[in-house]
Amino acid sequence: MSELKSKIAEKLDLQEIAYSMLWEDSRILNLALKINPDDHVLSICSAGCNVLSMLLAKPKAITAIDFNQSQLMILELKIAGIKRLDHAEFMKLLGFYPCDDRIKLFDCCASELPPSALSWWQQHQKLMIDGIAYSGRLELYLKRLRENFLRIWKAEGLAVLKSCQNIEEQARFWQRYGTDEVKHMLTDFVAKQNQQSGRDAAKLEHVHDNYAEGLWQRLEHTIKTQPMSDNFFNQYILLDDHQQPEHTYDYLNQNNFTELKSLVNRITLVHDQLEKHLTSVPIGTYSKGNFSDIFEYMTEDATKELLSLIGKSFAKSGRIAYWNLFVDRNSRNQISSLSLLQEESQNLHLDDRLWFYKNFFIETII
């Protein structure tokens, strides 16, 4: 499994925050994994959003792993904030609510940070002052995408979209404002050469297909089927203000915050290569797994090798889930220890509130 390290980890800037929010729908992830109290979940950390949302299903334990230490630092801060702050303070600390003194909030929860995380955040206070939730490389890229939508729609189109009360009104909005000009803008904006301002070039190495048409169709699908009031992802990308961040992830919902405080000690953070970690723990340690979209950063052979290792390492009858963004990667039912659940995967993908991903896959361990 040296290929993932040589082709990805060694090419990435592991000091930057690639994602300060996680652009994946935790609702379909939780439905896919069917987490129960006996599960030990292994999850790619990224910004920690899925980790905290899955935690509300009350598994026995969750291990969050990432080879980018900066991503782990975000989750460390979120855990510390959950322990020490109330809900409004927590939302202010992350940047979802306005705040004049985030450093003061940081000081309130700094005692909960391990020394490495405390030192890291003391050296990156500007990220905190600016609002962590909107400071990642991808978030800044999507901010520019939003500016392009608003430039075309102008105040009139924005007002129409914001006034929509249901999906029928959203569909009428799209019929009027989903124009060729908007489509051409999106096609150009997501072109491979332009994406590199939002995603590291190493993550695009295996992207070859013309994917813009699929993005356009899925954007149209979410506008026509997903209420804007319940889709923070579209609010962030399409509107000039973000009205209900609590609807992004369940862990941001005030009604879940007290329970979250009682659960965060079940999380363990691991800074390591995934394949190295899997070979260091006993077989059957993990029963559920979230692997984000990591397989599209690999060749097909490397994907098959890592999926085979996951299948051998996880407990029997366990489940794993992952997304494909632009590159087709799954077991293709060619790995003896895994069974791809095609119909269930496709049905959940239709309900995905985020239109970036071309596929969502669930596999069981057999």
Protein backbone atom coordinates (compact mmCIF):
# COMPACT_ATOMS: atom_id res chain seq x y z
CA MET A 1 0.00 0.00 0.00
CA SER A 2 2.92 2.38 -0.59
CA GLU A 3 1.17 3.95 -3.60
CA LEU A 4 -1.30 6.04 -1.59
CA LYS A 5 1.53 7.53 0.40
CA SER A 6 3.81 8.19 -2.56
CA LYS A 7 1.14 9.47 -4.94
CA ILE A 8 -0.97 11.48 -2.51
CA ALA A 9 0.43 12.18 0.94
CA GLU A 10 3.86 13.23 -0.29
CA LYS A 11 2.35 15.61 -2.86
CA LEU A 12 -0.15 17.37 -0.60
CA ASP A 13 0.41 20.44 1.51
CA LEU A 14 -0.28 18.84 4.88
CA GLN A 15 -0.02 22.15 6.69
CA GLU A 16 -3.08 23.72 5.06
CA ILE A 17 -6.70 23.24 5.99
CA ALA A 18 -8.20 21.67 2.89
CA TYR A 19 -11.73 21.59 4.32
CA SER A 20 -12.99 23.59 7.30
CA MET A 21 -16.44 22.06 6.83
CA LEU A 22 -17.21 18.64 5.46
CA TRP A 23 -19.03 18.75 2.15
CA GLU A 24 -20.75 15.39 2.53
CA ASP A 25 -24.30 14.66 3.66
CA SER A 26 -24.07 12.99 7.06
CA ARG A 27 -27.74 12.07 6.93
CA ILE A 28 -27.32 9.56 4.12
CA LEU A 29 -24.06 8.38 5.71
CA ASN A 30 -25.82 7.52 8.97
CA LEU A 31 -28.62 5.75 7.10
CA ALA A 32 -26.04 3.78 5.13
CA LEU A 33 -23.95 2.61 8.08
CA LYS A 34 -26.81 1.73 10.46
CA ILE A 35 -24.64 2.42 13.49
CA ASN A 36 -25.56 0.58 16.70
CA PRO A 37 -24.23 0.68 20.30
CA ASP A 38 -21.79 -2.20 19.71
CA ASP A 39 -20.04 -0.56 16.76
CA HIS A 40 -16.53 0.80 16.67
CA VAL A 41 -16.54 3.22 13.72
CA LEU A 42 -13.46 4.14 11.70
CA SER A 43 -13.85 7.45 9.83
CA ILE A 44 -11.74 9.74 7.74
CA CYS A 45 -11.55 12.87 9.90
CA SER A 46 -11.51 15.74 7.40
CA ALA A 47 -13.19 18.58 9.33
CA GLY A 48 -14.75 16.21 11.86
CA CYS A 49 -18.36 16.96 10.87
CA ASN A 50 -19.28 13.39 9.97
CA VAL A 51 -17.46 12.06 13.02
CA LEU A 52 -19.55 14.22 15.34
CA SER A 53 -22.78 13.53 13.48
CA MET A 54 -22.19 9.76 13.58
CA LEU A 55 -21.41 10.08 17.29
CA LEU A 56 -25.05 10.97 17.92
CA ALA A 57 -25.94 7.40 16.88
CA LYS A 58 -24.08 6.39 20.08
CA PRO A 59 -21.56 3.84 18.84
CA LYS A 60 -19.22 2.25 21.35
CA ALA A 61 -16.34 4.26 19.91
CA ILE A 62 -15.25 6.30 16.89
CA THR A 63 -11.69 6.54 15.61
CA ALA A 64 -11.08 9.57 13.39
CA ILE A 65 -8.03 9.16 11.15
CA ASP A 66 -6.27 11.56 8.81
CA PHE A 67 -2.75 11.93 7.42
CA ASN A 68 -3.23 15.72 7.40
CA GLN A 69 -2.66 16.86 10.97
CA SER A 70 -4.28 20.23 10.24
CA GLN A 71 -7.60 18.47 9.69
CA LEU A 72 -7.28 16.68 13.03
CA MET A 73 -6.67 20.03 14.71
CA ILE A 74 -10.11 21.21 13.64
CA LEU A 75 -11.75 18.22 15.30
CA GLU A 76 -9.62 18.68 18.42
CA LEU A 77 -10.92 22.24 18.71
CA LYS A 78 -14.52 21.18 18.12
CA ILE A 79 -14.27 18.55 20.85
CA ALA A 80 -12.78 21.07 23.28
CA GLY A 81 -15.52 23.58 22.42
CA ILE A 82 -18.26 21.01 22.93
CA LYS A 83 -16.87 20.19 26.36
CA ARG A 84 -16.52 23.76 27.62
CA LEU A 85 -18.92 26.04 25.75
CA ASP A 86 -22.67 26.38 25.44
CA HIS A 87 -24.26 25.95 22.03
CA ALA A 88 -24.29 29.62 21.03
CA GLU A 89 -20.66 30.04 22.08
CA PHE A 90 -19.70 26.91 20.14
CA MET A 91 -21.35 28.25 16.98
CA LYS A 92 -19.55 31.56 17.46
CA LEU A 93 -16.20 29.85 17.95
CA LEU A 94 -16.58 27.97 14.66
CA GLY A 95 -17.65 31.09 12.78
CA PHE A 96 -21.29 30.20 12.14
CA TYR A 97 -22.52 33.04 14.36
CA PRO A 98 -21.03 36.57 14.48
CA CYS A 99 -18.50 37.13 17.25
CA ASP A 100 -16.18 39.99 18.18
CA ASP A 101 -13.82 37.95 20.38
CA ARG A 102 -13.31 34.33 19.32
CA ILE A 103 -9.95 34.28 21.08
CA LYS A 104 -11.78 34.69 24.38
CA LEU A 105 -13.93 31.66 23.53
CA PHE A 106 -10.81 29.75 22.55
CA ASP A 107 -9.25 30.58 25.92
CA CYS A 108 -12.33 29.14 27.66
CA CYS A 109 -11.80 25.72 26.12
CA ALA A 110 -8.00 25.69 25.60
CA SER A 111 -7.46 23.56 28.72
CA GLU A 112 -9.23 20.67 26.97
CA LEU A 113 -6.76 20.64 24.07
CA PRO A 114 -3.78 18.28 24.04
CA PRO A 115 -0.43 20.15 23.94
CA SER A 116 0.08 19.62 20.19
CA ALA A 117 -3.36 21.05 19.35
CA LEU A 118 -2.97 23.95 21.79
CA SER A 119 0.34 24.89 20.18
CA TRP A 120 -1.08 24.55 16.67
CA TRP A 121 -4.03 26.83 17.35
CA GLN A 122 -1.89 29.39 19.13
CA GLN A 123 0.08 29.62 15.87
CA HIS A 124 -3.07 29.83 13.70
CA GLN A 125 -5.23 32.32 15.58
CA LYS A 126 -6.09 34.30 12.45
CA LEU A 127 -8.06 31.29 11.17
CA MET A 128 -10.10 31.41 14.34
CA ILE A 129 -10.63 35.16 14.26
CA ASP A 130 -11.85 34.99 10.64
CA GLY A 131 -14.23 32.11 11.40
CA ILE A 132 -12.94 28.57 11.02
CA ALA A 133 -16.00 27.27 9.19
CA TYR A 134 -15.28 29.44 6.16
CA SER A 135 -11.47 29.37 6.13
CA GLY A 136 -10.61 26.14 4.32
CA ARG A 137 -9.23 26.03 0.81
CA LEU A 138 -12.41 24.48 -0.56
CA GLU A 139 -14.68 26.91 1.31
CA LEU A 140 -12.86 29.87 -0.23
CA TYR A 141 -13.21 28.27 -3.67
CA LEU A 142 -16.95 27.77 -3.15
CA LYS A 143 -17.28 31.36 -2.00
CA ARG A 144 -16.01 32.43 -5.42
CA LEU A 145 -18.53 30.06 -7.05
CA ARG A 146 -21.30 31.74 -5.05
CA GLU A 147 -20.13 35.14 -6.25
CA ASN A 148 -20.41 33.92 -9.83
CA PHE A 149 -23.98 32.68 -9.34
CA LEU A 150 -24.96 35.98 -7.75
CA ARG A 151 -23.25 37.99 -10.50
CA ILE A 152 -25.47 36.32 -13.10
CA TRP A 153 -28.71 36.21 -11.11
CA LYS A 154 -28.29 39.70 -9.68
CA ALA A 155 -30.52 40.98 -6.90
CA GLU A 156 -33.71 40.05 -8.75
CA GLY A 157 -32.88 36.35 -9.13
CA LEU A 158 -31.50 36.13 -5.61
CA ALA A 159 -34.70 37.64 -4.21
CA VAL A 160 -36.79 35.09 -6.12
CA LEU A 161 -34.73 32.17 -4.83
CA LYS A 162 -34.81 33.42 -1.25
CA SER A 163 -38.57 33.84 -1.43
CA CYS A 164 -39.17 30.21 -2.41
CA GLN A 165 -41.31 28.47 0.21
CA ASN A 166 -41.35 24.94 -1.26
CA ILE A 167 -39.78 22.76 -3.93
CA GLU A 168 -42.50 23.68 -6.46
CA GLU A 169 -41.47 27.33 -6.24
CA GLN A 170 -37.81 26.29 -6.43
CA ALA A 171 -38.55 24.34 -9.61
CA ARG A 172 -40.17 27.44 -11.14
CA PHE A 173 -37.12 29.47 -10.11
CA TRP A 174 -34.84 27.01 -11.88
CA GLN A 175 -36.97 27.02 -15.03
CA ARG A 176 -36.44 30.77 -15.24
CA TYR A 177 -32.92 31.19 -13.87
CA GLY A 178 -31.19 27.89 -14.69
CA THR A 179 -30.01 29.40 -17.96
CA ASP A 180 -27.29 28.49 -20.44
CA GLU A 181 -25.24 31.38 -19.06
CA VAL A 182 -25.30 29.80 -15.59
CA LYS A 183 -24.46 26.38 -17.05
CA HIS A 184 -21.50 27.75 -18.99
CA MET A 185 -20.24 29.56 -15.91
CA LEU A 186 -20.40 26.39 -13.82
CA THR A 187 -18.74 24.32 -16.55
CA ASP A 188 -15.85 26.74 -16.74
CA PHE A 189 -15.56 27.16 -12.97
CA VAL A 190 -15.23 23.43 -12.28
CA ALA A 191 -12.83 22.76 -15.16
CA LYS A 192 -9.84 20.79 -13.92
CA GLN A 193 -7.40 23.66 -14.40
CA ASN A 194 -9.65 26.01 -12.41
CA GLN A 195 -10.40 23.57 -9.60
CA GLN A 196 -6.81 23.68 -8.42
CA SER A 197 -7.50 26.87 -6.48
CA GLY A 198 -9.94 24.85 -4.37
CA ARG A 199 -8.41 21.38 -4.34
CA ASP A 200 -4.83 20.18 -4.42
CA ALA A 201 -3.72 19.11 -7.91
CA ALA A 202 -2.71 15.69 -6.54
CA LYS A 203 -6.36 14.99 -5.77
CA LEU A 204 -7.25 15.57 -9.42
CA GLU A 205 -4.61 13.29 -10.89
CA HIS A 206 -7.08 10.57 -11.92
CA VAL A 207 -9.82 12.91 -13.14
CA HIS A 208 -10.23 12.56 -16.90
CA ASP A 209 -13.95 12.45 -17.71
CA ASN A 210 -16.17 15.36 -18.69
CA TYR A 211 -18.05 15.68 -15.39
CA ALA A 212 -19.62 19.15 -15.74
CA GLU A 213 -22.86 17.87 -17.27
CA GLY A 214 -23.38 15.49 -14.36
CA LEU A 215 -22.80 18.32 -11.87
CA TRP A 216 -25.34 20.47 -13.66
CA GLN A 217 -27.96 17.71 -13.63
CA ARG A 218 -27.43 16.99 -9.94
CA LEU A 219 -27.60 20.70 -9.06
CA GLU A 220 -30.94 20.87 -10.86
CA HIS A 221 -32.08 17.73 -9.01
CA THR A 222 -31.30 19.15 -5.56
CA ILE A 223 -33.04 22.45 -6.32
CA LYS A 224 -36.14 20.62 -7.51
CA THR A 225 -36.24 18.00 -4.75
CA GLN A 226 -34.47 19.43 -1.66
CA PRO A 227 -36.02 22.37 0.24
CA MET A 228 -33.51 25.21 0.54
CA SER A 229 -34.55 25.67 4.17
CA ASP A 230 -33.15 22.21 4.94
CA ASN A 231 -30.08 22.38 2.71
CA PHE A 232 -27.29 24.50 4.12
CA PHE A 233 -24.99 23.29 1.36
CA ASN A 234 -27.12 25.03 -1.28
CA GLN A 235 -27.64 28.00 1.00
CA TYR A 236 -23.85 28.43 1.21
CA ILE A 237 -23.28 28.14 -2.52
CA LEU A 238 -26.36 29.88 -3.93
CA LEU A 239 -27.41 32.56 -1.42
CA ASP A 240 -25.76 35.70 -0.06
CA ASP A 241 -26.36 34.63 3.54
CA HIS A 242 -26.44 31.26 5.27
CA GLN A 243 -29.65 31.11 7.12
CA GLN A 244 -29.68 27.83 9.03
CA PRO A 245 -26.28 26.23 9.61
CA GLU A 246 -27.90 23.96 12.19
CA HIS A 247 -29.44 22.08 9.25
CA THR A 248 -26.07 21.10 7.81
CA TYR A 249 -25.13 18.50 10.37
CA ASP A 250 -27.00 17.10 13.32
CA TYR A 251 -24.12 17.93 15.66
CA LEU A 252 -24.76 21.65 15.05
CA ASN A 253 -28.38 21.36 16.15
CA GLN A 254 -28.94 22.91 19.56
CA ASN A 255 -31.27 20.07 20.55
CA ASN A 256 -28.37 17.61 20.27
CA PHE A 257 -25.70 19.65 22.00
CA THR A 258 -26.16 18.44 25.57
CA GLU A 259 -26.11 14.84 24.43
CA LEU A 260 -23.00 15.50 22.38
CA LYS A 261 -21.19 16.68 25.51
CA SER A 262 -21.76 13.28 27.09
CA LEU A 263 -20.44 11.41 24.04
CA VAL A 264 -17.29 13.18 22.83
CA ASN A 265 -14.96 11.13 25.03
CA ARG A 266 -15.77 8.16 22.78
CA ILE A 267 -13.70 9.75 19.99
CA THR A 268 -10.04 8.84 19.41
CA LEU A 269 -7.96 10.81 16.90
CA VAL A 270 -5.24 9.10 14.89
CA HIS A 271 -2.62 10.83 12.74
CA ASP A 272 -1.56 8.09 10.34
CA GLN A 273 -1.87 6.49 6.93
CA LEU A 274 -5.07 4.46 6.73
CA GLU A 275 -3.43 1.28 5.47
CA LYS A 276 -0.69 1.45 8.09
CA HIS A 277 -3.26 1.90 10.85
CA LEU A 278 -5.41 -1.02 9.66
CA THR A 279 -2.44 -3.36 9.81
CA SER A 280 -1.61 -2.19 13.34
CA VAL A 281 -4.94 -3.09 14.98
CA PRO A 282 -6.48 -6.54 15.57
CA ILE A 283 -8.72 -7.90 12.83
CA GLY A 284 -12.35 -7.12 13.64
CA THR A 285 -11.56 -3.95 15.63
CA TYR A 286 -13.86 -1.91 13.40
CA SER A 287 -17.38 -2.76 12.31
CA LYS A 288 -18.42 0.41 10.46
CA GLY A 289 -16.39 2.72 8.26
CA ASN A 290 -16.70 6.09 6.53
CA PHE A 291 -14.09 6.62 3.84
CA SER A 292 -15.22 9.94 2.37
CA ASP A 293 -14.04 10.08 -1.26
CA ILE A 294 -10.45 8.89 -0.74
CA PHE A 295 -10.54 6.16 -3.37
CA GLU A 296 -10.70 8.57 -6.26
CA TYR A 297 -7.25 9.83 -5.35
CA MET A 298 -5.85 6.39 -6.21
CA THR A 299 -5.42 4.16 -9.21
CA GLU A 300 -7.92 1.34 -9.68
CA ASP A 301 -5.30 -1.18 -8.52
CA ALA A 302 -4.56 0.81 -5.35
CA THR A 303 -8.28 1.17 -4.68
CA LYS A 304 -8.79 -2.57 -5.00
CA GLU A 305 -5.83 -3.23 -2.72
CA LEU A 306 -7.06 -0.87 0.00
CA LEU A 307 -10.65 -2.09 -0.21
CA SER A 308 -9.38 -5.65 0.05
CA LEU A 309 -7.42 -4.71 3.18
CA ILE A 310 -10.53 -3.05 4.66
CA GLY A 311 -12.59 -6.13 3.90
CA LYS A 312 -10.06 -8.37 5.63
CA SER A 313 -9.62 -6.03 8.61
CA PHE A 314 -13.23 -5.21 9.47
CA ALA A 315 -15.63 -7.35 11.46
CA LYS A 316 -17.92 -9.67 9.52
CA SER A 317 -21.33 -8.16 8.67
CA GLY A 318 -19.86 -4.69 9.06
CA ARG A 319 -20.58 -1.84 6.66
CA ILE A 320 -18.52 0.80 4.92
CA ALA A 321 -19.64 3.82 2.91
CA TYR A 322 -17.90 6.29 0.62
CA TRP A 323 -18.49 8.78 -2.18
CA ASN A 324 -17.15 9.17 -5.72
CA LEU A 325 -16.73 12.78 -6.79
CA PHE A 326 -15.44 12.62 -10.37
CA VAL A 327 -13.70 9.24 -10.61
CA ASP A 328 -15.44 5.85 -10.63
CA ARG A 329 -14.05 3.76 -7.79
CA ASN A 330 -15.68 0.81 -5.98
CA SER A 331 -15.11 -2.91 -5.43
CA ARG A 332 -17.19 -3.83 -8.50
CA ASN A 333 -18.05 -6.97 -6.50
CA GLN A 334 -14.61 -8.31 -7.36
CA ILE A 335 -13.34 -8.50 -3.78
CA SER A 336 -14.29 -11.68 -1.97
CA SER A 337 -14.69 -10.02 1.43
CA LEU A 338 -17.00 -7.23 0.23
CA SER A 339 -20.50 -7.08 -1.22
CA LEU A 340 -21.60 -3.90 -3.00
CA LEU A 341 -25.18 -2.86 -2.17
CA GLN A 342 -26.10 -1.23 -5.47
CA GLU A 343 -29.82 -0.53 -5.00
CA GLU A 344 -29.51 0.80 -1.45
CA SER A 345 -26.57 2.96 -2.50
CA GLN A 346 -28.44 4.45 -5.46
CA ASN A 347 -31.56 5.18 -3.42
CA LEU A 348 -29.61 7.06 -0.77
CA HIS A 349 -27.62 8.93 -3.40
CA LEU A 350 -30.89 10.33 -4.79
CA ASP A 351 -31.53 11.89 -1.36
CA ASP A 352 -28.05 13.41 -1.06
CA ARG A 353 -28.42 17.13 -0.30
CA LEU A 354 -25.05 17.83 -1.94
CA TRP A 355 -24.81 17.78 -5.73
CA PHE A 356 -21.05 17.37 -6.08
CA TYR A 357 -20.90 13.58 -5.96
CA LYS A 358 -21.58 11.31 -8.92
CA ASN A 359 -21.94 8.19 -6.74
CA PHE A 360 -22.40 6.99 -3.19
CA PHE A 361 -21.55 3.41 -2.28
CA ILE A 362 -22.32 1.05 0.59
CA GLU A 363 -20.48 -2.24 0.94
CA THR A 364 -20.91 -4.99 3.51
CA ILE A 365 -18.20 -7.21 4.94
CA ILE A 366 -18.80 -10.87 4.15
